[in-house]
Amino acid sequence: MVAQKVGMNVFLLTDCLINKKGESVDKYPHGNFDDLMKYINSVKLK
């Protein structure tokens, strides 16, 4: 994700993901809606 390359926090929501090329998402924080909420709550703004 370009956003991560410029230093932004990212999370890939996989519940509705269409991955036509079958690329691995392991290099990004990812998961379902519950995982997203846990991620949001764990990220603290500096």
C-alpha atoms as a PDB file:
ATOM      1  CA  MET A   1       0.000   0.000   0.000  1.00  0.00           C
ATOM      2  CA  VAL A   2       1.310   3.397  -0.958  1.00  0.00           C
ATOM      3  CA  ALA A   3       0.012   4.950   2.265  1.00  0.00           C
ATOM      4  CA  GLN A   4       2.282   2.694   4.328  1.00  0.00           C
ATOM      5  CA  LYS A   5       5.281   3.619   2.194  1.00  0.00           C
ATOM      6  CA  VAL A   6       4.841   7.291   3.132  1.00  0.00           C
ATOM      7  CA  GLY A   7       4.549   6.490   6.839  1.00  0.00           C
ATOM      8  CA  MET A   8       0.808   6.192   7.428  1.00  0.00           C
ATOM      9  CA  ASN A   9      -0.734   3.447   9.556  1.00  0.00           C
ATOM     10  CA  VAL A  10      -2.687   1.032   7.383  1.00  0.00           C
ATOM     11  CA  PHE A  11      -5.005  -1.925   7.910  1.00  0.00           C
ATOM     12  CA  LEU A  12      -6.333  -4.162   5.155  1.00  0.00           C
ATOM     13  CA  LEU A  13      -9.925  -5.216   5.790  1.00  0.00           C
ATOM     14  CA  THR A  14     -10.202  -8.705   4.347  1.00  0.00           C
ATOM     15  CA  ASP A  15     -13.912  -9.445   4.908  1.00  0.00           C
ATOM     16  CA  CYS A  16     -14.814  -8.078   1.466  1.00  0.00           C
ATOM     17  CA  LEU A  17     -11.416  -8.308  -0.195  1.00  0.00           C
ATOM     18  CA  ILE A  18     -11.271  -9.123  -3.895  1.00  0.00           C
ATOM     19  CA  ASN A  19      -7.701 -10.232  -4.567  1.00  0.00           C
ATOM     20  CA  LYS A  20      -7.729 -11.110  -8.281  1.00  0.00           C
ATOM     21  CA  LYS A  21      -3.947 -11.493  -8.470  1.00  0.00           C
ATOM     22  CA  GLY A  22      -3.771 -13.637  -5.323  1.00  0.00           C
ATOM     23  CA  GLU A  23      -1.133 -11.391  -3.778  1.00  0.00           C
ATOM     24  CA  SER A  24      -0.083 -12.064  -0.199  1.00  0.00           C
ATOM     25  CA  VAL A  25      -1.502  -9.626   2.361  1.00  0.00           C
ATOM     26  CA  ASP A  26       0.831 -10.865   5.107  1.00  0.00           C
ATOM     27  CA  LYS A  27       3.054  -7.787   4.860  1.00  0.00           C
ATOM     28  CA  TYR A  28       0.194  -5.562   6.071  1.00  0.00           C
ATOM     29  CA  PRO A  29      -1.821  -5.578   9.257  1.00  0.00           C
ATOM     30  CA  HIS A  30      -5.045  -7.262   8.140  1.00  0.00           C
ATOM     31  CA  GLY A  31      -8.157  -9.059   9.271  1.00  0.00           C
ATOM     32  CA  ASN A  32     -11.900  -8.849   9.711  1.00  0.00           C
ATOM     33  CA  PHE A  33     -14.038  -6.074  11.212  1.00  0.00           C
ATOM     34  CA  ASP A  34     -13.346  -7.221  14.788  1.00  0.00           C
ATOM     35  CA  ASP A  35      -9.605  -7.209  14.087  1.00  0.00           C
ATOM     36  CA  LEU A  36      -9.926  -3.722  12.620  1.00  0.00           C
ATOM     37  CA  MET A  37     -11.545  -2.426  15.807  1.00  0.00           C
ATOM     38  CA  LYS A  38      -8.767  -3.977  17.909  1.00  0.00           C
ATOM     39  CA  TYR A  39      -6.177  -2.371  15.616  1.00  0.00           C
ATOM     40  CA  ILE A  40      -7.844   1.048  15.812  1.00  0.00           C
ATOM     41  CA  ASN A  41      -7.947   0.847  19.603  1.00  0.00           C
ATOM     42  CA  SER A  42      -4.284  -0.155  19.741  1.00  0.00           C
ATOM     43  CA  VAL A  43      -3.024   2.699  17.563  1.00  0.00           C
ATOM     44  CA  LYS A  44      -2.297   5.801  19.566  1.00  0.00           C
ATOM     45  CA  LEU A  45      -1.827   9.178  17.930  1.00  0.00           C
ATOM     46  CA  LYS A  46       1.454  10.835  18.772  1.00  0.00           C
END
